[in-house]
């Protein structure tokens, strides 16, 4: 039995979106499950639209998602010599021919066919008719498609599919500028790279009979095909790189973990009983391309958010901290003077659904703040809270064994002393320490920030109250 070999072959003409990654995931899982190979091929022959930035996005996306490929990274632009060799071979053996038809002739032909309610297609004019007057004119190379019989293949997702050859025209395989078309390059690549299974989006179904005919003309083996269904967005529209769909790396920017992305994508069109949560190892164990549904699937952002929160809470804190570090760097936060990120993951994981949210929530552990929110300060930093904060500051200074339990006892003693609710003291204290009104356990925060910095921040809040602006004077009257 031939070794399974699959490929992911994106074109670098825009960002990589969710639908592309789902296809890559299915192809990767199929190869890994069958102890096969998975290659990454950059289809960059569209020189006008391909760009290095898009190539970098493809590579970064695959690395972030841990969808590793085997062997070298292939580029079609490095295979132009091979494509030219095959073109010459096909011209010599009569499976391709030069077409000198002008754009004007082709456009008139198309209009005439539409008027006659016929499917627009090339009429094969240059198949046999060659005039010496054409020889110095520009030309394209067309594949000599069979005009009889059918192309039949058994799609591993959709089953039996048949196309009549009469419905297919002689497609262009080399343009007049010497560049090569998609349907030609992909055939030569799959042949040379010994691809056994082609897993791709359903938009390529119509390309498949054309590619099979070219492979047959080359006497090359035919891979098995599996065309996965569309993924629809919240509006029921197709996800694609041309309809403002979010790039896969934007999900990283927004604080999603790769495990959450892959888990959500694997469930779009495939299932294993009622199981919802899958590790990568479980995906490789249970995934079957034969069980992929041919109906369209809907991308559910809320489900993705739920999965992300689940993985933030269940993955090892060290692993989550490694991903959090990327977001901390994006915000230019210096973490050298502060707690470890593992401590912060343990503190915030129950509260934060994304790593971006977590990164924003922990800035006060590393950076000092000079200003207080106007509304918060007006409500909580006043002459009454001054007394509470002064008491807390003095008592924190006296703690010899610095831990969150002793810190909590200081606050509780102040509540008893002043005969007020916990909130009357904790809210001003929280603002003084963090600058915000919502945080995890305040005592643990104070403990992590440390005695010196905590006392210093309370002192800053006390000075703020003493040096209050005019609107504070009205409060004190």
Protein backbone atom coordinates (compact mmCIF):
# COMPACT_ATOMS: atom_id res chain seq x y z
CA UNK A 1 0.00 0.00 0.00
CA UNK A 2 1.35 3.39 -1.01
CA UNK A 3 2.36 5.73 1.80
CA UNK A 4 -0.23 8.44 2.45
CA UNK A 5 0.93 11.92 1.52
CA UNK A 6 -1.19 15.06 1.74
CA UNK A 7 -0.52 18.73 1.20
CA UNK A 8 -1.73 22.18 2.09
CA UNK A 9 -1.20 24.54 -0.82
CA UNK A 10 -2.36 28.11 -0.10
CA UNK A 11 -1.80 31.01 -2.46
CA UNK A 12 -0.10 34.04 -0.82
CA UNK A 13 -2.55 36.57 -2.22
CA UNK A 14 -4.14 37.65 1.06
CA UNK A 15 -4.39 36.56 4.65
CA UNK A 16 -5.10 33.02 5.77
CA UNK A 17 -8.65 32.63 7.06
CA UNK A 18 -10.56 30.10 9.12
CA UNK A 19 -11.77 28.05 6.14
CA UNK A 20 -8.23 27.56 4.85
CA UNK A 21 -6.99 26.47 8.27
CA UNK A 22 -9.83 23.96 8.65
CA UNK A 23 -8.75 22.42 5.32
CA UNK A 24 -5.13 22.36 6.46
CA UNK A 25 -6.16 20.74 9.75
CA UNK A 26 -8.16 17.97 8.05
CA UNK A 27 -5.31 17.27 5.64
CA UNK A 28 -2.76 17.28 8.48
CA UNK A 29 -4.88 14.97 10.65
CA UNK A 30 -5.42 12.52 7.81
CA UNK A 31 -1.69 12.21 7.14
CA UNK A 32 -0.76 11.95 10.81
CA UNK A 33 -3.45 9.34 11.49
CA UNK A 34 -2.12 7.20 8.64
CA UNK A 35 1.56 7.63 9.56
CA UNK A 36 1.96 9.55 6.33
CA UNK A 37 3.55 12.82 5.24
CA UNK A 38 2.13 16.32 5.13
CA UNK A 39 3.76 19.01 3.01
CA UNK A 40 3.31 22.76 2.78
CA UNK A 41 3.41 24.23 -0.70
CA UNK A 42 3.21 27.95 -1.49
CA UNK A 43 1.34 28.45 -4.78
CA UNK A 44 2.91 31.79 -5.66
CA UNK A 45 2.82 31.83 -9.47
CA UNK A 46 0.33 34.71 -9.46
CA UNK A 47 3.17 37.23 -9.38
CA UNK A 48 0.90 40.29 -9.50
CA UNK A 49 -1.01 39.33 -6.35
CA UNK A 50 1.45 37.18 -4.39
CA UNK A 51 3.54 38.94 -1.76
CA UNK A 52 6.08 38.11 0.92
CA UNK A 53 3.87 39.43 3.73
CA UNK A 54 1.20 36.85 2.88
CA UNK A 55 3.83 34.10 2.75
CA UNK A 56 5.03 35.11 6.21
CA UNK A 57 1.45 35.00 7.50
CA UNK A 58 1.00 31.45 6.16
CA UNK A 59 4.19 30.22 7.83
CA UNK A 60 3.49 32.06 11.11
CA UNK A 61 -0.06 30.70 11.19
CA UNK A 62 1.00 27.10 10.67
CA UNK A 63 3.73 27.39 13.30
CA UNK A 64 1.41 29.03 15.84
CA UNK A 65 -1.17 26.27 15.38
CA UNK A 66 1.52 23.56 15.59
CA UNK A 67 0.51 22.15 12.20
CA UNK A 68 4.02 21.03 11.35
CA UNK A 69 4.92 19.98 7.82
CA UNK A 70 7.43 17.38 6.65
CA UNK A 71 10.52 18.16 4.63
CA UNK A 72 11.19 21.39 2.81
CA UNK A 73 8.80 24.24 2.19
CA UNK A 74 7.89 24.23 -1.52
CA UNK A 75 7.45 27.31 -3.71
CA UNK A 76 5.94 27.05 -7.18
CA UNK A 77 8.09 29.93 -8.43
CA UNK A 78 11.13 27.70 -7.89
CA UNK A 79 9.66 25.06 -10.21
CA UNK A 80 9.21 27.12 -13.40
CA UNK A 81 11.83 25.12 -15.30
CA UNK A 82 9.92 21.92 -14.58
CA UNK A 83 6.63 23.46 -15.77
CA UNK A 84 8.25 24.55 -19.03
CA UNK A 85 9.61 21.06 -19.60
CA UNK A 86 6.12 19.55 -19.23
CA UNK A 87 4.60 22.18 -21.56
CA UNK A 88 7.13 21.31 -24.25
CA UNK A 89 6.48 17.60 -23.71
CA UNK A 90 2.72 18.07 -24.06
CA UNK A 91 3.09 20.21 -27.18
CA UNK A 92 5.31 17.56 -28.75
CA UNK A 93 3.01 14.63 -27.99
CA UNK A 94 -0.17 16.47 -28.99
CA UNK A 95 -1.86 16.67 -25.57
CA UNK A 96 -1.59 20.48 -25.72
CA UNK A 97 -1.56 23.06 -28.49
CA UNK A 98 -0.86 26.73 -29.15
CA UNK A 99 -3.91 28.97 -29.41
CA UNK A 100 -3.56 32.25 -31.31
CA UNK A 101 -7.16 33.44 -30.90
CA UNK A 102 -7.41 37.14 -30.16
CA UNK A 103 -9.28 38.55 -27.20
CA UNK A 104 -11.73 40.08 -29.65
CA UNK A 105 -12.55 36.69 -31.19
CA UNK A 106 -12.96 35.06 -27.79
CA UNK A 107 -15.23 37.83 -26.54
CA UNK A 108 -17.41 37.65 -29.68
CA UNK A 109 -17.59 33.86 -29.30
CA UNK A 110 -18.67 34.23 -25.68
CA UNK A 111 -21.40 36.76 -26.53
CA UNK A 112 -22.72 34.56 -29.32
CA UNK A 113 -22.88 31.50 -27.06
CA UNK A 114 -24.73 33.41 -24.36
CA UNK A 115 -27.24 34.73 -26.90
CA UNK A 116 -27.85 31.16 -28.02
CA UNK A 117 -28.32 30.01 -24.39
CA UNK A 118 -25.15 27.96 -24.50
CA UNK A 119 -22.50 27.61 -21.82
CA UNK A 120 -19.57 29.91 -22.69
CA UNK A 121 -16.57 27.76 -23.59
CA UNK A 122 -13.68 27.72 -26.01
CA UNK A 123 -14.70 26.16 -29.33
CA UNK A 124 -11.37 24.48 -30.11
CA UNK A 125 -10.72 26.69 -33.14
CA UNK A 126 -6.91 26.34 -32.95
CA UNK A 127 -6.90 22.59 -32.29
CA UNK A 128 -6.28 21.75 -35.93
CA UNK A 129 -6.35 25.06 -37.76
CA UNK A 130 -2.86 26.61 -37.94
CA UNK A 131 -2.05 29.37 -40.39
CA UNK A 132 1.46 30.58 -41.14
CA UNK A 133 0.23 34.13 -40.52
CA UNK A 134 -0.25 33.21 -36.84
CA UNK A 135 3.31 32.10 -36.17
CA UNK A 136 4.66 35.50 -35.15
CA UNK A 137 1.66 36.35 -33.00
CA UNK A 138 1.38 35.85 -29.28
CA UNK A 139 -0.34 32.71 -28.12
CA UNK A 140 -1.47 30.75 -25.10
CA UNK A 141 -1.08 27.02 -24.60
CA UNK A 142 -4.26 25.03 -24.15
CA UNK A 143 -4.75 21.50 -22.90
CA UNK A 144 -6.36 19.20 -25.46
CA UNK A 145 -9.26 18.01 -23.35
CA UNK A 146 -11.00 14.78 -24.44
CA UNK A 147 -14.28 15.57 -26.19
CA UNK A 148 -15.93 12.24 -25.46
CA UNK A 149 -16.63 10.17 -22.39
CA UNK A 150 -16.73 11.22 -18.77
CA UNK A 151 -14.50 11.94 -15.82
CA UNK A 152 -15.61 9.87 -12.84
CA UNK A 153 -14.15 9.97 -9.34
CA UNK A 154 -15.29 8.85 -5.93
CA UNK A 155 -14.99 11.78 -3.55
CA UNK A 156 -14.20 10.59 -0.02
CA UNK A 157 -16.74 13.07 1.37
CA UNK A 158 -19.30 13.45 -1.40
CA UNK A 159 -19.25 10.06 -3.05
CA UNK A 160 -19.68 9.38 -6.77
CA UNK A 161 -19.13 12.44 -9.02
CA UNK A 162 -19.24 12.47 -12.82
CA UNK A 163 -18.47 15.21 -15.37
CA UNK A 164 -19.11 14.86 -19.10
CA UNK A 165 -16.02 15.81 -21.10
CA UNK A 166 -18.26 17.73 -23.48
CA UNK A 167 -18.92 20.15 -20.60
CA UNK A 168 -15.20 20.90 -20.27
CA UNK A 169 -13.32 23.11 -22.67
CA UNK A 170 -9.65 23.23 -23.62
CA UNK A 171 -8.40 25.18 -20.64
CA UNK A 172 -5.37 27.46 -20.83
CA UNK A 173 -2.32 25.97 -19.08
CA UNK A 174 0.21 28.64 -20.07
CA UNK A 175 -0.61 32.30 -20.57
CA UNK A 176 0.72 34.51 -23.35
CA UNK A 177 3.24 36.07 -20.96
CA UNK A 178 4.72 32.66 -20.24
CA UNK A 179 3.18 32.26 -16.79
CA UNK A 180 1.32 29.10 -15.82
CA UNK A 181 -2.24 28.62 -14.63
CA UNK A 182 -3.38 27.08 -11.36
CA UNK A 183 -4.92 23.93 -12.83
CA UNK A 184 -1.68 23.09 -14.62
CA UNK A 185 0.79 23.82 -11.80
CA UNK A 186 -1.20 21.97 -9.15
CA UNK A 187 -1.29 18.84 -11.31
CA UNK A 188 2.46 18.80 -11.91
CA UNK A 189 3.16 19.52 -8.24
CA UNK A 190 0.85 16.77 -6.95
CA UNK A 191 2.39 14.34 -9.42
CA UNK A 192 6.04 15.18 -8.68
CA UNK A 193 5.44 15.26 -4.91
CA UNK A 194 3.63 11.90 -4.89
CA UNK A 195 0.47 13.31 -3.31
CA UNK A 196 -1.93 10.44 -2.63
CA UNK A 197 -4.86 12.39 -1.17
CA UNK A 198 -6.02 15.90 -2.03
CA UNK A 199 -8.20 17.42 0.69
CA UNK A 200 -9.51 20.88 -0.18
CA UNK A 201 -12.55 23.12 -0.27
CA UNK A 202 -15.66 22.31 -2.30
CA UNK A 203 -15.02 25.31 -4.55
CA UNK A 204 -12.40 23.12 -6.27
CA UNK A 205 -14.84 20.38 -7.31
CA UNK A 206 -15.17 21.84 -10.80
CA UNK A 207 -11.37 21.93 -11.16
CA UNK A 208 -11.03 18.24 -10.34
CA UNK A 209 -12.14 16.73 -13.70
CA UNK A 210 -9.82 19.10 -15.57
CA UNK A 211 -6.92 18.11 -13.36
CA UNK A 212 -7.71 14.41 -13.67
CA UNK A 213 -7.72 14.72 -17.47
CA UNK A 214 -4.31 16.39 -17.43
CA UNK A 215 -2.95 13.67 -15.13
CA UNK A 216 -4.32 11.03 -17.48
CA UNK A 217 -2.67 12.76 -20.43
CA UNK A 218 0.63 12.64 -18.55
CA UNK A 219 0.03 8.99 -17.61
CA UNK A 220 0.41 10.06 -13.98
CA UNK A 221 -1.33 8.43 -10.98
CA UNK A 222 -4.62 9.96 -9.85
CA UNK A 223 -4.82 10.95 -6.17
CA UNK A 224 -7.95 10.45 -4.13
CA UNK A 225 -10.01 13.59 -3.60
CA UNK A 226 -12.02 14.89 -0.66
CA UNK A 227 -13.82 18.23 -0.91
CA UNK A 228 -14.84 19.73 2.42
CA UNK A 229 -17.92 21.89 2.80
CA UNK A 230 -18.08 25.64 3.20
CA UNK A 231 -17.86 27.39 6.53
CA UNK A 232 -20.45 30.11 6.96
CA UNK A 233 -20.15 33.17 9.17
CA UNK A 234 -22.76 34.52 11.58
CA UNK A 235 -24.62 36.09 8.64
CA UNK A 236 -24.79 32.81 6.74
CA UNK A 237 -22.22 33.99 4.18
CA UNK A 238 -19.20 32.06 2.97
CA UNK A 239 -15.93 32.68 4.76
CA UNK A 240 -13.27 33.80 2.31
CA UNK A 241 -10.25 36.07 2.11
CA UNK A 242 -12.22 38.54 -0.02
CA UNK A 243 -15.22 39.30 2.18
CA UNK A 244 -13.46 40.94 5.13
CA UNK A 245 -13.19 37.65 7.02
CA UNK A 246 -10.81 37.86 9.95
CA UNK A 247 -7.29 36.55 9.36
CA UNK A 248 -6.36 33.51 11.43
CA UNK A 249 -3.56 35.50 13.09
CA UNK A 250 -6.10 38.12 14.15
CA UNK A 251 -7.50 35.48 16.49
CA UNK A 252 -4.07 35.28 18.04
CA UNK A 253 -4.04 39.07 18.35
CA UNK A 254 -7.43 38.85 20.05
CA UNK A 255 -6.10 36.46 22.67
CA UNK A 256 -7.19 33.02 21.48
CA UNK A 257 -5.16 29.89 22.11
CA UNK A 258 -4.31 27.60 19.17
CA UNK A 259 -5.92 24.67 21.00
CA UNK A 260 -9.26 26.50 21.06
CA UNK A 261 -9.06 27.36 17.36
CA UNK A 262 -8.24 23.79 16.30
CA UNK A 263 -10.85 22.27 18.62
CA UNK A 264 -13.58 24.48 17.19
CA UNK A 265 -12.52 23.89 13.59
CA UNK A 266 -12.33 20.10 13.86
CA UNK A 267 -15.97 20.06 14.95
CA UNK A 268 -17.12 22.02 11.88
CA UNK A 269 -18.37 19.16 9.73
CA UNK A 270 -16.99 16.28 11.80
CA UNK A 271 -17.96 14.70 15.08
CA UNK A 272 -17.08 11.78 17.33
CA UNK A 273 -20.20 10.91 19.26
CA UNK A 274 -21.18 13.72 21.61
CA UNK A 275 -17.61 14.66 22.49
CA UNK A 276 -16.93 18.40 22.30
CA UNK A 277 -13.42 18.75 23.73
CA UNK A 278 -10.55 17.20 21.78
CA UNK A 279 -6.85 17.31 22.44
CA UNK A 280 -4.62 17.18 19.38
CA UNK A 281 -3.79 13.57 20.17
CA UNK A 282 -7.49 12.71 20.34
CA UNK A 283 -8.09 14.43 17.02
CA UNK A 284 -5.40 12.30 15.40
CA UNK A 285 -6.82 9.18 17.01
CA UNK A 286 -10.49 9.64 16.17
CA UNK A 287 -10.59 11.77 13.01
CA UNK A 288 -11.84 10.12 9.84
CA UNK A 289 -12.23 11.91 6.51
CA UNK A 290 -15.02 9.45 5.63
CA UNK A 291 -17.07 10.82 8.54
CA UNK A 292 -16.86 14.46 7.44
CA UNK A 293 -20.30 15.87 6.67
CA UNK A 294 -20.83 17.38 3.23
CA UNK A 295 -23.25 20.02 4.55
CA UNK A 296 -22.06 23.55 5.30
CA UNK A 297 -20.99 24.39 8.85
CA UNK A 298 -21.41 27.59 10.86
CA UNK A 299 -18.56 29.25 12.68
CA UNK A 300 -19.77 30.10 16.20
CA UNK A 301 -17.75 32.84 17.88
CA UNK A 302 -19.37 32.33 21.28
CA UNK A 303 -18.50 28.63 21.17
CA UNK A 304 -14.92 29.54 20.32
CA UNK A 305 -14.83 31.96 23.26
CA UNK A 306 -16.14 29.22 25.57
CA UNK A 307 -13.47 26.81 24.33
CA UNK A 308 -10.78 29.43 24.82
CA UNK A 309 -11.82 29.99 28.43
CA UNK A 310 -11.84 26.24 28.94
CA UNK A 311 -8.27 25.86 27.68
CA UNK A 312 -7.02 28.85 29.67
CA UNK A 313 -8.31 27.07 32.77
CA UNK A 314 -7.22 23.51 31.96
CA UNK A 315 -3.90 23.73 30.11
CA UNK A 316 -0.76 23.76 32.27
CA UNK A 317 -0.20 27.28 33.58
CA UNK A 318 3.32 27.26 32.14
CA UNK A 319 1.95 26.69 28.63
CA UNK A 320 -0.68 29.43 28.96
CA UNK A 321 1.99 31.75 30.37
CA UNK A 322 4.15 31.19 27.27
CA UNK A 323 1.29 32.39 25.08
CA UNK A 324 0.52 35.25 27.48
CA UNK A 325 4.12 36.42 27.19
CA UNK A 326 3.54 37.17 23.51
CA UNK A 327 0.62 39.47 24.39
CA UNK A 328 2.58 41.15 27.17
CA UNK A 329 5.35 41.96 24.68
CA UNK A 330 2.80 43.31 22.19
CA UNK A 331 1.83 45.88 24.83
CA UNK A 332 5.48 46.76 25.49
CA UNK A 333 5.21 45.78 29.15
CA UNK A 334 8.50 45.14 30.93
CA UNK A 335 7.97 42.05 33.10
CA UNK A 336 11.43 42.02 34.66
CA UNK A 337 10.26 44.01 37.68
CA UNK A 338 7.22 42.04 38.78
CA UNK A 339 5.67 38.62 39.36
CA UNK A 340 6.06 35.60 37.12
CA UNK A 341 3.49 35.19 34.37
CA UNK A 342 2.61 31.77 35.78
CA UNK A 343 1.42 33.49 38.97
CA UNK A 344 -0.75 35.82 36.95
CA UNK A 345 -2.25 32.99 34.89
CA UNK A 346 -3.25 31.25 38.12
CA UNK A 347 -4.72 34.49 39.43
CA UNK A 348 -6.67 35.54 36.34
CA UNK A 349 -7.59 32.33 34.51
CA UNK A 350 -11.05 32.05 36.03
CA UNK A 351 -11.87 35.65 35.16
CA UNK A 352 -10.45 36.11 31.66
CA UNK A 353 -11.77 34.48 28.50
CA UNK A 354 -8.90 35.67 26.31
CA UNK A 355 -5.19 36.24 26.79
CA UNK A 356 -5.53 39.78 25.49
CA UNK A 357 -7.99 40.49 28.29
CA UNK A 358 -5.58 38.90 30.74
CA UNK A 359 -2.64 40.97 29.50
CA UNK A 360 -4.61 44.20 29.86
CA UNK A 361 -5.80 43.18 33.31
CA UNK A 362 -2.33 42.70 34.77
CA UNK A 363 -0.54 45.88 33.67
CA UNK A 364 -0.61 47.33 37.18
CA UNK A 365 1.62 44.52 38.41
CA UNK A 366 4.48 45.85 36.29
CA UNK A 367 3.79 49.51 35.59
CA UNK A 368 3.16 52.39 37.92
CA UNK A 369 0.23 54.67 37.18
CA UNK A 370 0.13 58.40 37.87
CA UNK A 371 -3.49 59.24 37.28
CA UNK A 372 -6.76 57.89 38.63
CA UNK A 373 -9.96 57.53 36.66
CA UNK A 374 -11.96 60.75 37.18
CA UNK A 375 -15.26 59.08 38.08
CA UNK A 376 -13.66 56.44 40.29
CA UNK A 377 -11.58 59.01 42.14
CA UNK A 378 -14.57 61.28 42.64
CA UNK A 379 -16.58 58.41 44.10
CA UNK A 380 -14.03 56.57 46.22
CA UNK A 381 -11.03 58.81 46.98
CA UNK A 382 -12.32 61.33 49.50
CA UNK A 383 -11.78 62.55 53.06
CA UNK A 384 -13.54 59.47 54.51
CA UNK A 385 -11.46 56.95 52.53
CA UNK A 386 -8.35 58.96 53.45
CA UNK A 387 -8.77 57.80 57.04
CA UNK A 388 -9.23 54.17 55.99
CA UNK A 389 -6.24 54.20 53.64
CA UNK A 390 -4.02 55.85 56.23
CA UNK A 391 -4.90 53.07 58.69
CA UNK A 392 -4.27 50.31 56.13
CA UNK A 393 -0.95 51.82 55.08
CA UNK A 394 0.38 52.00 58.62
CA UNK A 395 -0.70 48.45 59.45
CA UNK A 396 0.71 46.96 56.23
CA UNK A 397 4.04 48.51 57.10
CA UNK A 398 4.03 46.58 60.36
CA UNK A 399 3.55 43.15 58.80
CA UNK A 400 6.67 41.03 59.29
CA UNK A 401 5.41 37.83 57.64
CA UNK A 402 4.21 39.18 54.27
CA UNK A 403 1.42 36.88 53.06
CA UNK A 404 -2.14 37.32 51.83
CA UNK A 405 -3.70 36.03 55.05
CA UNK A 406 -1.99 38.67 57.17
CA UNK A 407 -2.94 41.30 54.61
CA UNK A 408 -6.56 40.17 54.76
CA UNK A 409 -6.49 40.41 58.57
CA UNK A 410 -5.30 44.02 58.38
CA UNK A 411 -8.31 44.93 56.24
CA UNK A 412 -10.73 43.02 58.46
CA UNK A 413 -9.36 44.77 61.55
CA UNK A 414 -9.95 48.13 59.87
CA UNK A 415 -13.54 47.14 59.09
CA UNK A 416 -14.09 46.32 62.76
CA UNK A 417 -12.33 49.45 63.97
CA UNK A 418 -14.30 51.88 61.80
CA UNK A 419 -17.54 49.86 61.91
CA UNK A 420 -18.06 50.01 58.14
CA UNK A 421 -18.75 47.45 55.41
CA UNK A 422 -15.91 45.65 53.67
CA UNK A 423 -16.68 47.48 50.44
CA UNK A 424 -16.22 50.90 52.07
CA UNK A 425 -12.58 50.04 52.65
CA UNK A 426 -11.80 47.60 49.85
CA UNK A 427 -12.93 49.80 46.93
CA UNK A 428 -10.69 52.78 47.81
CA UNK A 429 -7.87 50.35 48.59
CA UNK A 430 -8.34 48.51 45.27
CA UNK A 431 -8.22 51.78 43.32
CA UNK A 432 -5.16 52.91 45.26
CA UNK A 433 -3.31 49.66 44.57
CA UNK A 434 -4.42 48.90 40.98
CA UNK A 435 -6.05 52.04 39.59
CA UNK A 436 -9.16 50.07 38.59
CA UNK A 437 -12.36 48.90 40.29
CA UNK A 438 -12.49 45.23 39.23
CA UNK A 439 -9.74 42.77 40.07
CA UNK A 440 -9.22 39.25 41.37
CA UNK A 441 -8.63 38.66 45.10
CA UNK A 442 -7.36 41.98 46.46
CA UNK A 443 -5.27 40.42 49.24
CA UNK A 444 -3.40 38.20 46.79
CA UNK A 445 -2.84 41.18 44.49
CA UNK A 446 -1.35 43.21 47.34
CA UNK A 447 0.80 40.24 48.32
CA UNK A 448 2.12 39.77 44.77
CA UNK A 449 2.78 43.49 44.24
CA UNK A 450 4.78 43.51 47.48
CA UNK A 451 4.91 45.59 50.63
CA UNK A 452 7.07 48.44 49.37
CA UNK A 453 5.13 49.05 46.15
CA UNK A 454 1.73 48.58 47.82
CA UNK A 455 2.52 51.08 50.59
CA UNK A 456 3.96 53.47 48.01
CA UNK A 457 0.77 53.35 45.94
CA UNK A 458 -1.44 53.93 48.97
CA UNK A 459 0.76 56.94 49.80
CA UNK A 460 0.21 58.20 46.25
CA UNK A 461 -3.57 57.91 46.70
CA UNK A 462 -3.37 59.78 50.02
CA UNK A 463 -1.42 62.58 48.37
CA UNK A 464 -3.96 62.65 45.57
CA UNK A 465 -6.73 63.23 48.10
CA UNK A 466 -4.73 65.95 49.92
CA UNK A 467 -3.96 67.71 46.65
CA UNK A 468 -7.47 67.31 45.29
CA UNK A 469 -8.68 69.53 42.49
CA UNK A 470 -11.48 72.08 42.73
CA UNK A 471 -14.22 69.52 42.29
CA UNK A 472 -12.90 67.75 45.38
CA UNK A 473 -13.12 70.95 47.41
CA UNK A 474 -16.90 70.88 46.96
CA UNK A 475 -17.02 67.35 48.35
CA UNK A 476 -15.06 68.37 51.44
CA UNK A 477 -17.25 71.41 52.20
